[in-house]
Amino acid sequence: MTRVARADGVEYCGDMLFGSISFVFVFLPLMLAGYHWCRVNGWQMCAKGLLIAGSLVFYGWWNVEYVPLVLLSVLGNYAVGRAMVRYRTAAWWIFLLGISLNLGLLIYFKYANFLLGNIAFAFHHDFAFARIAIPLAISFFTFQQIAYLTEIHRGQPAAASLTDYALFVLFFPHLIAGPITLHTEMLPQFARSGRGPLDSRWVMMGFAIFVLGLAKKVLFADTLGDVADPVFTAAAAGATPSLPEAWLGALGYTFQLYFDFSGYSDMAIGIGLLFGIRFPVNFTSPYKSTSIIEFWRRWHMTLSRFLRNYVYVPLGGNRRGRTRRYGNLLATMLLGGLWHGAGWTFVIWGTLHGVYLCLNHLAGALGLGAARLGGRTGVLFGWALTFVAVVVGWVFFRAPSVAAALQILGGMVPGVGGGGAPDLGMQAFGWLTVAVAASVALLMPSILEITGYHALLETGQIRAARWEAVWTRPVFAAASLGVVAALCATRLPDPGLFLYFTF
């Protein structure tokens, strides 16, 4: 079995990546065959049971030791939700208990090492402590269940079926890296799942989205990683890159992260469709944004929704004056940074975006936004300012330390960058790769726009006119998809780890 190391130093089996041969040619076909056999024969509970069992196998393939933990989390939160409905007079205290247990679990596994390390540093005491391994996907399935309990507290009905609730949390396409879904949008779908034959057009769309998402990952993201990684590695060793190297590394990672995570999200949506499930959209061409506010409406949209609904709004949102609003924005984005990882680089990244949002809102309130310039000039200025701000933030997000991030940012400033003999051949390849990636991300419609997924998400039906407009030449479309799939297959023996698996 292939072993892959995460950022926390823990090794996991990497044979069950979405882009691995084991997943594409063994696990997924077996799951699809078994599930649709059950559907066709009217065995709905069998189909659901197969999905739960397969999802646990998928999760346990990484590290079987944490399967009991995720099962305990699912059973515990389901029980808390049912208790909140049954014991109305004590619902508030049951809710607090459930939230505390979820946060306690997250803090212990994800942040204990960070907290103990900083305590040791603050008191200049080098005490030894056993490092705690971070269970895979703990941020995603914990946040999802915190949202579930909060919605019940706000009056939404609790899950009536443990089977459907288990699918809501464990369904393998979104278990590891999202999207973060709400039970109100997913439980009705899982209640109907496994019932009767699935419309073949859902399967066709799902396959197309999966293959194109896979191409984002293995053809773009992994190649861009080869461009960005050497720059960040050199900075971690104390070298200040030259101006071209620093910008190449920063831009390489900017597009690597986009194609990696949006590719994963597209693949999750595609796999969901193969089983008749619609996931919410997580990306809408975020690098086309002309403001930071717009960027966060387009980037990791389900996390943005979670932070808005369950952190920003409960803190008071924008209802208590401008100063309080900016404080709430800073606190929300700081927590968003910490959600991504227990490290000062993530704290800085989150705080930086909080400052960006405050400045964006302040500029709008004072009438100083890019729109004041008017026309294309204003749009271009807003886009350039937003994009550079995002790139600067990604340097902290990617760098292994604050010092390494400052080395790269220093190199991005004219006259500050280091010297040395550049590898002109590698730089030429890197800039060409970045240029192609930028053209796709900035100029082309998204995969979900091309395939018409938004219409399916809104109505539950594939609109024939939209589908026919996209696939006016079915043979050409199928051949093109086949070529993309073949190109992806050449990279499958050695799939790179999805970046968001480390969070």
Protein backbone atom coordinates (compact mmCIF):
# COMPACT_ATOMS: atom_id res chain seq x y z
CA MET A 1 0.00 0.00 0.00
CA THR A 2 1.14 3.53 -0.76
CA ARG A 3 1.79 5.61 2.37
CA VAL A 4 1.32 9.36 2.33
CA ALA A 5 2.35 11.81 5.06
CA ARG A 6 0.10 14.66 6.12
CA ALA A 7 1.19 18.00 7.47
CA ASP A 8 0.81 16.69 11.05
CA GLY A 9 3.45 14.06 10.31
CA VAL A 10 1.03 11.13 10.47
CA GLU A 11 1.16 8.60 7.65
CA TYR A 12 -1.97 7.27 6.03
CA CYS A 13 -2.62 4.77 3.30
CA GLY A 14 -2.95 6.73 0.06
CA ASP A 15 -4.49 4.00 -2.08
CA MET A 16 -8.02 5.37 -1.68
CA LEU A 17 -7.52 8.87 -3.06
CA PHE A 18 -10.18 10.02 -5.52
CA GLY A 19 -7.47 9.99 -8.17
CA SER A 20 -6.01 6.57 -7.33
CA ILE A 21 -6.30 3.40 -9.38
CA SER A 22 -7.79 1.58 -6.39
CA PHE A 23 -10.59 4.12 -6.09
CA VAL A 24 -11.32 4.75 -9.78
CA PHE A 25 -11.15 1.16 -11.01
CA VAL A 26 -12.05 -0.92 -7.94
CA PHE A 27 -13.82 0.83 -5.06
CA LEU A 28 -16.06 3.21 -7.03
CA PRO A 29 -17.22 0.65 -9.65
CA LEU A 30 -18.02 -1.91 -6.94
CA MET A 31 -19.97 0.67 -4.93
CA LEU A 32 -21.89 1.83 -8.00
CA ALA A 33 -22.69 -1.71 -9.11
CA GLY A 34 -23.91 -2.80 -5.68
CA TYR A 35 -25.88 0.38 -5.01
CA HIS A 36 -27.69 0.46 -8.35
CA TRP A 37 -28.39 -3.27 -8.18
CA CYS A 38 -30.15 -2.61 -4.88
CA ARG A 39 -32.02 0.38 -6.36
CA VAL A 40 -33.26 -1.50 -9.40
CA ASN A 41 -34.51 -4.37 -7.24
CA GLY A 42 -36.29 -2.05 -4.81
CA TRP A 43 -34.01 -2.81 -1.85
CA GLN A 44 -33.78 0.72 -0.48
CA MET A 45 -32.44 -0.11 3.00
CA CYS A 46 -29.88 -2.42 1.46
CA ALA A 47 -28.72 0.40 -0.81
CA LYS A 48 -28.39 2.79 2.13
CA GLY A 49 -26.61 0.20 4.25
CA LEU A 50 -24.16 -0.42 1.44
CA LEU A 51 -23.37 3.30 1.24
CA ILE A 52 -22.73 3.50 5.00
CA ALA A 53 -20.57 0.38 5.02
CA GLY A 54 -18.63 1.54 1.97
CA SER A 55 -18.08 4.97 3.50
CA LEU A 56 -16.65 3.41 6.65
CA VAL A 57 -14.33 1.25 4.54
CA PHE A 58 -13.28 4.36 2.62
CA TYR A 59 -12.53 6.23 5.88
CA GLY A 60 -10.90 3.25 7.57
CA TRP A 61 -8.63 2.64 4.60
CA TRP A 62 -6.72 5.75 5.66
CA ASN A 63 -6.40 4.77 9.31
CA VAL A 64 -8.75 2.18 10.76
CA GLU A 65 -7.97 3.31 14.33
CA TYR A 66 -10.24 6.34 13.93
CA VAL A 67 -13.32 4.54 12.63
CA PRO A 68 -14.67 4.10 16.21
CA LEU A 69 -14.11 7.83 16.80
CA VAL A 70 -16.15 8.95 13.79
CA LEU A 71 -18.87 6.40 14.62
CA LEU A 72 -19.01 7.64 18.21
CA SER A 73 -19.27 11.21 16.92
CA VAL A 74 -22.17 10.28 14.63
CA LEU A 75 -24.07 8.30 17.29
CA GLY A 76 -23.46 10.93 19.96
CA ASN A 77 -24.67 13.86 17.87
CA TYR A 78 -27.71 11.92 16.66
CA ALA A 79 -28.60 11.13 20.27
CA VAL A 80 -28.12 14.76 21.32
CA GLY A 81 -30.35 15.95 18.48
CA ARG A 82 -33.11 13.52 19.41
CA ALA A 83 -32.81 14.48 23.09
CA MET A 84 -33.18 18.18 22.24
CA VAL A 85 -36.49 17.43 20.55
CA ARG A 86 -37.75 15.06 23.24
CA TYR A 87 -36.78 17.08 26.31
CA ARG A 88 -37.80 20.59 25.32
CA THR A 89 -37.47 22.06 28.80
CA ALA A 90 -33.81 21.05 28.95
CA ALA A 91 -33.06 21.55 25.24
CA TRP A 92 -30.77 24.54 25.84
CA TRP A 93 -28.55 22.61 28.24
CA ILE A 94 -28.49 19.55 26.00
CA PHE A 95 -27.52 21.79 23.10
CA LEU A 96 -24.67 23.34 25.10
CA LEU A 97 -23.49 19.87 26.10
CA GLY A 98 -23.48 18.71 22.47
CA ILE A 99 -21.61 21.77 21.22
CA SER A 100 -19.10 21.48 24.09
CA LEU A 101 -18.43 17.83 23.32
CA ASN A 102 -17.89 18.58 19.63
CA LEU A 103 -15.59 21.51 20.33
CA GLY A 104 -13.76 19.55 23.01
CA LEU A 105 -13.11 16.74 20.57
CA LEU A 106 -11.84 19.19 17.96
CA ILE A 107 -9.67 21.14 20.40
CA TYR A 108 -8.12 18.01 21.87
CA PHE A 109 -7.19 16.33 18.62
CA LYS A 110 -6.42 19.35 16.45
CA TYR A 111 -5.18 22.10 18.76
CA ALA A 112 -3.65 20.43 21.83
CA ASN A 113 -0.21 20.19 20.23
CA PHE A 114 -0.35 23.86 19.21
CA LEU A 115 -1.52 25.05 22.63
CA LEU A 116 1.01 23.00 24.60
CA GLY A 117 3.83 24.08 22.30
CA ASN A 118 2.98 27.75 22.77
CA ILE A 119 2.67 27.36 26.55
CA ALA A 120 6.10 25.77 26.64
CA PHE A 121 7.51 28.63 24.53
CA ALA A 122 5.84 31.34 26.63
CA PHE A 123 7.21 29.97 29.91
CA HIS A 124 10.60 29.01 28.44
CA HIS A 125 10.08 25.48 29.62
CA ASP A 126 10.88 22.59 27.33
CA PHE A 127 8.57 19.97 28.79
CA ALA A 128 7.98 16.79 26.87
CA PHE A 129 4.48 15.80 25.75
CA ALA A 130 3.21 13.09 23.45
CA ARG A 131 2.08 14.55 20.15
CA ILE A 132 -1.55 13.80 19.33
CA ALA A 133 -2.31 12.52 15.82
CA ILE A 134 -5.10 14.41 14.06
CA PRO A 135 -7.90 12.14 12.79
CA LEU A 136 -8.61 12.58 9.11
CA ALA A 137 -11.44 15.03 8.28
CA ILE A 138 -12.20 15.86 11.91
CA SER A 139 -12.75 19.55 11.05
CA PHE A 140 -15.29 18.73 8.35
CA PHE A 141 -17.44 16.18 10.14
CA THR A 142 -17.33 18.14 13.41
CA PHE A 143 -18.39 21.45 11.84
CA GLN A 144 -21.14 19.69 9.91
CA GLN A 145 -22.58 18.26 13.13
CA ILE A 146 -22.22 21.55 15.02
CA ALA A 147 -24.36 23.11 12.29
CA TYR A 148 -26.85 20.25 12.67
CA LEU A 149 -27.29 20.80 16.42
CA THR A 150 -27.50 24.57 15.96
CA GLU A 151 -30.25 24.26 13.36
CA ILE A 152 -32.26 22.01 15.67
CA HIS A 153 -31.80 24.59 18.44
CA ARG A 154 -33.17 27.21 16.02
CA GLY A 155 -36.30 25.16 15.36
CA GLN A 156 -35.46 22.86 12.46
CA PRO A 157 -36.57 19.22 12.83
CA ALA A 158 -34.05 16.62 13.95
CA ALA A 159 -33.15 13.61 11.85
CA ALA A 160 -35.84 10.96 12.24
CA SER A 161 -33.68 8.13 10.93
CA LEU A 162 -30.24 7.13 12.21
CA THR A 163 -29.55 5.57 8.81
CA ASP A 164 -30.17 8.83 6.96
CA TYR A 165 -28.25 10.85 9.58
CA ALA A 166 -25.27 8.49 9.26
CA LEU A 167 -25.33 9.01 5.49
CA PHE A 168 -25.54 12.78 6.01
CA VAL A 169 -22.24 12.68 7.92
CA LEU A 170 -20.42 9.66 6.48
CA PHE A 171 -21.30 9.62 2.76
CA PHE A 172 -17.82 9.08 1.34
CA PRO A 173 -17.75 11.65 -1.52
CA HIS A 174 -17.78 14.54 0.97
CA LEU A 175 -16.57 12.86 4.19
CA ILE A 176 -12.89 13.77 3.89
CA ALA A 177 -12.88 17.36 2.59
CA GLY A 178 -16.44 18.57 2.29
CA PRO A 179 -18.45 20.38 1.12
CA ILE A 180 -19.86 21.23 4.56
CA THR A 181 -23.55 20.52 4.11
CA LEU A 182 -26.72 21.27 6.09
CA HIS A 183 -29.07 18.51 7.18
CA THR A 184 -32.04 20.46 5.81
CA GLU A 185 -30.63 20.20 2.28
CA MET A 186 -29.27 16.64 2.52
CA LEU A 187 -31.56 14.53 4.74
CA PRO A 188 -34.55 14.73 2.32
CA GLN A 189 -32.27 13.47 -0.43
CA PHE A 190 -30.95 10.57 1.65
CA ALA A 191 -34.52 9.70 2.68
CA ARG A 192 -35.36 9.20 -1.02
CA SER A 193 -32.02 7.61 -1.99
CA GLY A 194 -31.89 4.02 -3.13
CA ARG A 195 -35.48 4.08 -4.39
CA GLY A 196 -35.95 2.95 -8.00
CA PRO A 197 -33.70 3.35 -11.06
CA LEU A 198 -31.70 6.58 -11.37
CA ASP A 199 -32.12 8.80 -14.45
CA SER A 200 -29.20 7.97 -16.74
CA ARG A 201 -28.66 11.67 -17.45
CA TRP A 202 -27.61 12.14 -13.80
CA VAL A 203 -24.99 9.44 -14.32
CA MET A 204 -23.78 11.07 -17.54
CA MET A 205 -23.46 14.48 -15.88
CA GLY A 206 -21.82 12.99 -12.81
CA PHE A 207 -19.24 11.13 -14.88
CA ALA A 208 -18.42 14.26 -16.88
CA ILE A 209 -18.00 16.43 -13.76
CA PHE A 210 -15.90 13.75 -12.05
CA VAL A 211 -13.50 13.37 -14.99
CA LEU A 212 -13.10 17.12 -15.48
CA GLY A 213 -12.55 17.60 -11.75
CA LEU A 214 -9.95 14.84 -11.83
CA ALA A 215 -8.22 16.70 -14.66
CA LYS A 216 -8.07 19.83 -12.48
CA LYS A 217 -6.27 17.82 -9.82
CA VAL A 218 -3.84 15.58 -11.67
CA LEU A 219 -3.11 17.71 -14.75
CA PHE A 220 -3.13 21.20 -13.24
CA ALA A 221 -2.78 21.14 -9.45
CA ASP A 222 -0.07 18.47 -9.24
CA THR A 223 1.94 20.12 -12.01
CA LEU A 224 1.65 23.52 -10.33
CA GLY A 225 2.80 21.90 -7.09
CA ASP A 226 6.05 20.97 -8.81
CA VAL A 227 6.46 24.67 -9.63
CA ALA A 228 5.62 26.10 -6.20
CA ASP A 229 7.13 23.55 -3.82
CA PRO A 230 10.84 24.23 -4.53
CA VAL A 231 10.37 27.95 -3.79
CA PHE A 232 8.69 27.34 -0.44
CA THR A 233 11.20 24.62 0.44
CA ALA A 234 14.10 26.99 -0.23
CA ALA A 235 12.44 29.73 1.83
CA ALA A 236 11.97 27.30 4.72
CA ALA A 237 15.72 26.67 4.60
CA GLY A 238 16.36 30.41 5.00
CA ALA A 239 16.90 31.48 1.38
CA THR A 240 15.27 34.63 0.02
CA PRO A 241 14.13 33.90 -3.54
CA SER A 242 14.68 36.31 -6.39
CA LEU A 243 11.81 38.47 -7.61
CA PRO A 244 10.80 36.10 -10.45
CA GLU A 245 11.20 33.02 -8.25
CA ALA A 246 9.15 34.48 -5.40
CA TRP A 247 6.27 35.50 -7.65
CA LEU A 248 6.42 32.20 -9.51
CA GLY A 249 6.20 30.27 -6.25
CA ALA A 250 3.37 32.43 -4.91
CA LEU A 251 1.35 32.32 -8.13
CA GLY A 252 2.09 28.63 -8.60
CA TYR A 253 0.60 27.85 -5.20
CA THR A 254 -2.30 30.27 -5.73
CA PHE A 255 -3.47 28.27 -8.73
CA GLN A 256 -2.39 24.90 -7.31
CA LEU A 257 -4.67 25.36 -4.31
CA TYR A 258 -7.58 26.48 -6.49
CA PHE A 259 -7.34 23.58 -8.95
CA ASP A 260 -6.68 21.11 -6.15
CA PHE A 261 -9.60 21.99 -3.88
CA SER A 262 -12.09 23.01 -6.54
CA GLY A 263 -11.10 19.84 -8.42
CA TYR A 264 -11.85 17.78 -5.32
CA SER A 265 -15.18 19.58 -4.84
CA ASP A 266 -16.13 18.94 -8.48
CA MET A 267 -15.20 15.27 -8.12
CA ALA A 268 -17.32 15.04 -4.96
CA ILE A 269 -20.27 16.57 -6.82
CA GLY A 270 -19.74 14.19 -9.74
CA ILE A 271 -19.60 11.13 -7.49
CA GLY A 272 -22.66 12.33 -5.61
CA LEU A 273 -24.62 12.53 -8.87
CA LEU A 274 -23.61 8.96 -9.71
CA PHE A 275 -25.53 7.96 -6.57
CA GLY A 276 -28.38 10.42 -7.13
CA ILE A 277 -27.24 12.99 -4.53
CA ARG A 278 -26.82 16.74 -5.15
CA PHE A 279 -24.16 18.59 -3.15
CA PRO A 280 -24.07 22.39 -2.78
CA VAL A 281 -21.62 24.31 -4.96
CA ASN A 282 -18.34 25.15 -3.23
CA PHE A 283 -16.61 27.32 -5.85
CA THR A 284 -17.80 29.83 -8.42
CA SER A 285 -14.68 31.10 -10.24
CA PRO A 286 -13.32 32.94 -7.14
CA TYR A 287 -10.28 34.43 -8.89
CA LYS A 288 -12.61 36.48 -11.07
CA SER A 289 -13.70 38.46 -7.99
CA THR A 290 -13.31 42.23 -7.97
CA SER A 291 -13.44 42.57 -4.17
CA ILE A 292 -12.58 40.49 -1.10
CA ILE A 293 -16.27 40.44 -0.17
CA GLU A 294 -17.05 38.87 -3.53
CA PHE A 295 -14.10 36.49 -3.18
CA TRP A 296 -15.54 34.99 -0.01
CA ARG A 297 -18.89 34.57 -1.74
CA ARG A 298 -17.15 32.47 -4.38
CA TRP A 299 -14.36 30.63 -2.49
CA HIS A 300 -15.10 27.58 -0.29
CA MET A 301 -18.70 28.72 -0.20
CA THR A 302 -19.95 26.12 2.28
CA LEU A 303 -17.29 27.12 4.82
CA SER A 304 -18.15 30.80 4.25
CA ARG A 305 -21.80 29.93 4.87
CA PHE A 306 -20.89 28.11 8.08
CA LEU A 307 -18.74 30.97 9.39
CA ARG A 308 -21.44 33.51 8.54
CA ASN A 309 -24.39 31.57 10.01
CA TYR A 310 -22.75 30.08 13.10
CA VAL A 311 -20.01 32.54 14.05
CA TYR A 312 -20.51 36.00 12.50
CA VAL A 313 -24.28 36.28 12.97
CA PRO A 314 -24.31 34.94 16.57
CA LEU A 315 -21.57 37.43 17.44
CA GLY A 316 -23.93 40.20 16.33
CA GLY A 317 -23.09 40.47 12.66
CA ASN A 318 -23.61 43.99 11.39
CA ARG A 319 -26.52 44.77 13.74
CA ARG A 320 -24.58 46.57 16.49
CA GLY A 321 -22.74 49.35 14.76
CA ARG A 322 -19.74 49.65 12.49
CA THR A 323 -17.05 49.11 15.12
CA ARG A 324 -18.67 45.96 16.46
CA ARG A 325 -19.18 44.74 12.90
CA TYR A 326 -15.48 45.01 12.12
CA GLY A 327 -14.62 43.24 15.37
CA ASN A 328 -17.00 40.43 14.43
CA LEU A 329 -15.41 40.14 10.99
CA LEU A 330 -11.93 39.91 12.50
CA ALA A 331 -13.00 37.31 15.05
CA THR A 332 -14.82 35.24 12.41
CA MET A 333 -11.91 35.18 9.99
CA LEU A 334 -9.44 34.46 12.79
CA LEU A 335 -11.48 31.39 13.67
CA GLY A 336 -11.66 30.55 9.97
CA GLY A 337 -7.87 30.64 9.83
CA LEU A 338 -7.56 28.40 12.90
CA TRP A 339 -10.08 25.99 11.39
CA HIS A 340 -7.63 25.36 8.56
CA GLY A 341 -4.76 24.54 10.87
CA ALA A 342 -3.23 24.95 14.31
CA GLY A 343 -0.36 27.29 13.48
CA TRP A 344 0.58 30.95 13.50
CA THR A 345 0.66 31.08 9.71
CA PHE A 346 -3.05 30.22 9.66
CA VAL A 347 -3.76 32.75 12.40
CA ILE A 348 -2.06 35.44 10.32
CA TRP A 349 -3.84 34.33 7.15
CA GLY A 350 -7.26 34.48 8.84
CA THR A 351 -6.52 37.82 10.50
CA LEU A 352 -5.26 39.21 7.22
CA HIS A 353 -8.50 38.34 5.47
CA GLY A 354 -10.43 39.81 8.38
CA VAL A 355 -8.54 43.09 7.87
CA TYR A 356 -9.18 42.86 4.11
CA LEU A 357 -12.93 42.51 4.70
CA CYS A 358 -12.99 45.40 7.17
CA LEU A 359 -11.16 47.65 4.72
CA ASN A 360 -13.45 46.54 1.90
CA HIS A 361 -16.58 47.38 3.91
CA LEU A 362 -15.08 50.66 5.14
CA ALA A 363 -14.14 51.71 1.60
CA GLY A 364 -17.67 50.97 0.46
CA ALA A 365 -19.17 52.95 3.35
CA LEU A 366 -16.95 55.94 2.52
CA GLY A 367 -17.56 55.70 -1.20
CA LEU A 368 -13.91 54.89 -1.90
CA GLY A 369 -14.38 51.51 -3.56
CA ALA A 370 -13.05 50.54 -6.97
CA ALA A 371 -16.52 51.19 -8.40
CA ARG A 372 -15.84 54.90 -7.94
CA LEU A 373 -13.38 54.74 -10.83
CA GLY A 374 -16.19 53.51 -13.03
CA GLY A 375 -16.25 51.29 -16.11
CA ARG A 376 -13.58 48.81 -17.03
CA THR A 377 -10.89 50.74 -15.17
CA GLY A 378 -12.70 50.28 -11.87
CA VAL A 379 -13.35 46.60 -12.55
CA LEU A 380 -9.73 45.97 -13.51
CA PHE A 381 -8.38 47.87 -10.52
CA GLY A 382 -10.72 46.03 -8.15
CA TRP A 383 -9.76 42.67 -9.61
CA ALA A 384 -5.99 43.38 -9.49
CA LEU A 385 -6.11 44.66 -5.91
CA THR A 386 -8.19 41.68 -4.79
CA PHE A 387 -6.02 39.14 -6.58
CA VAL A 388 -2.73 40.49 -5.19
CA ALA A 389 -4.22 40.59 -1.67
CA VAL A 390 -5.31 36.97 -2.02
CA VAL A 391 -1.87 35.91 -3.31
CA VAL A 392 -0.16 37.57 -0.33
CA GLY A 393 -2.51 35.71 2.00
CA TRP A 394 -1.80 32.37 0.30
CA VAL A 395 1.93 32.80 0.99
CA PHE A 396 1.22 32.62 4.74
CA PHE A 397 -1.28 29.81 4.14
CA ARG A 398 1.31 27.65 2.36
CA ALA A 399 4.55 28.53 4.15
CA PRO A 400 5.68 26.11 6.89
CA SER A 401 6.56 29.02 9.17
CA VAL A 402 6.09 32.77 9.49
CA ALA A 403 9.81 33.25 8.78
CA ALA A 404 9.54 31.32 5.52
CA ALA A 405 6.49 33.37 4.49
CA LEU A 406 8.38 36.61 5.14
CA GLN A 407 11.30 35.32 3.05
CA ILE A 408 9.00 34.83 0.06
CA LEU A 409 7.13 38.09 0.57
CA GLY A 410 10.46 39.88 0.79
CA GLY A 411 11.50 38.30 -2.50
CA MET A 412 8.27 39.55 -4.10
CA VAL A 413 9.32 43.16 -3.42
CA PRO A 414 11.57 44.65 -6.16
CA GLY A 415 15.09 45.22 -4.92
CA VAL A 416 14.77 42.90 -1.91
CA GLY A 417 14.90 39.47 -3.55
CA GLY A 418 17.92 37.19 -3.31
CA GLY A 419 20.39 36.38 -6.01
CA GLY A 420 21.84 33.11 -7.24
CA ALA A 421 21.84 31.46 -10.63
CA PRO A 422 18.24 30.84 -11.69
CA ASP A 423 17.16 27.67 -13.43
CA LEU A 424 15.93 29.35 -16.59
CA GLY A 425 14.50 26.17 -18.05
CA MET A 426 12.48 25.42 -14.94
CA GLN A 427 11.33 29.03 -14.68
CA ALA A 428 10.18 29.02 -18.30
CA PHE A 429 8.20 25.83 -17.72
CA GLY A 430 6.80 27.25 -14.48
CA TRP A 431 5.63 30.52 -16.01
CA LEU A 432 4.06 28.69 -18.95
CA THR A 433 2.19 26.41 -16.54
CA VAL A 434 1.00 29.36 -14.46
CA ALA A 435 -0.09 31.22 -17.61
CA VAL A 436 -2.16 28.26 -18.81
CA ALA A 437 -3.69 27.77 -15.35
CA ALA A 438 -4.50 31.49 -15.08
CA SER A 439 -6.17 31.46 -18.49
CA VAL A 440 -8.41 28.55 -17.48
CA ALA A 441 -9.28 29.97 -14.05
CA LEU A 442 -9.84 33.57 -15.18
CA LEU A 443 -11.25 33.30 -18.69
CA MET A 444 -13.19 30.05 -18.93
CA PRO A 445 -16.55 29.15 -17.37
CA SER A 446 -16.46 26.68 -14.50
CA ILE A 447 -17.08 22.97 -14.97
CA LEU A 448 -20.42 23.27 -13.21
CA GLU A 449 -21.47 26.09 -15.54
CA ILE A 450 -20.44 24.07 -18.60
CA THR A 451 -22.40 21.00 -17.54
CA GLY A 452 -25.48 22.89 -16.32
CA TYR A 453 -25.23 21.59 -12.73
CA HIS A 454 -26.62 24.78 -11.22
CA ALA A 455 -29.97 24.19 -12.92
CA LEU A 456 -30.07 20.61 -11.62
CA LEU A 457 -29.23 21.82 -8.10
CA GLU A 458 -32.04 24.38 -8.13
CA THR A 459 -34.80 22.29 -9.67
CA GLY A 460 -33.82 18.66 -9.16
CA GLN A 461 -34.32 18.18 -12.89
CA ILE A 462 -31.89 18.24 -15.80
CA ARG A 463 -33.13 20.89 -18.20
CA ALA A 464 -33.04 19.34 -21.62
CA ALA A 465 -32.47 22.64 -23.41
CA ARG A 466 -29.41 23.44 -21.30
CA TRP A 467 -28.05 19.91 -21.63
CA GLU A 468 -28.53 19.87 -25.40
CA ALA A 469 -26.95 23.31 -25.75
CA VAL A 470 -23.81 22.05 -24.07
CA TRP A 471 -23.65 18.66 -25.74
CA THR A 472 -24.81 19.59 -29.23
CA ARG A 473 -22.26 17.16 -30.60
CA PRO A 474 -22.48 14.12 -28.28
CA VAL A 475 -19.85 12.12 -30.15
CA PHE A 476 -17.36 15.00 -30.04
CA ALA A 477 -18.11 15.63 -26.37
CA ALA A 478 -17.68 11.96 -25.49
CA ALA A 479 -14.42 11.76 -27.45
CA SER A 480 -13.08 14.90 -25.76
CA LEU A 481 -14.01 13.55 -22.33
CA GLY A 482 -12.31 10.28 -23.22
CA VAL A 483 -9.09 12.10 -24.13
CA VAL A 484 -9.16 14.00 -20.83
CA ALA A 485 -9.78 10.74 -18.95
CA ALA A 486 -6.88 9.07 -20.75
CA LEU A 487 -4.55 11.96 -19.87
CA CYS A 488 -5.63 11.71 -16.25
CA ALA A 489 -5.04 7.94 -16.24
CA THR A 490 -1.38 8.51 -17.04
CA ARG A 491 -1.02 10.24 -13.64
CA LEU A 492 -3.12 7.84 -11.56
CA PRO A 493 -0.35 5.46 -10.44
CA ASP A 494 1.10 8.26 -8.31
CA PRO A 495 -1.74 10.57 -7.20
CA GLY A 496 -0.78 13.57 -5.11
CA LEU A 497 -2.49 14.09 -1.75
CA PHE A 498 -5.33 16.61 -1.84
CA LEU A 499 -4.18 19.73 0.00
CA TYR A 500 -7.33 20.05 2.08
CA PHE A 501 -6.92 16.51 3.45
CA THR A 502 -4.41 18.06 5.88
CA PHE A 503 -7.10 20.23 7.45
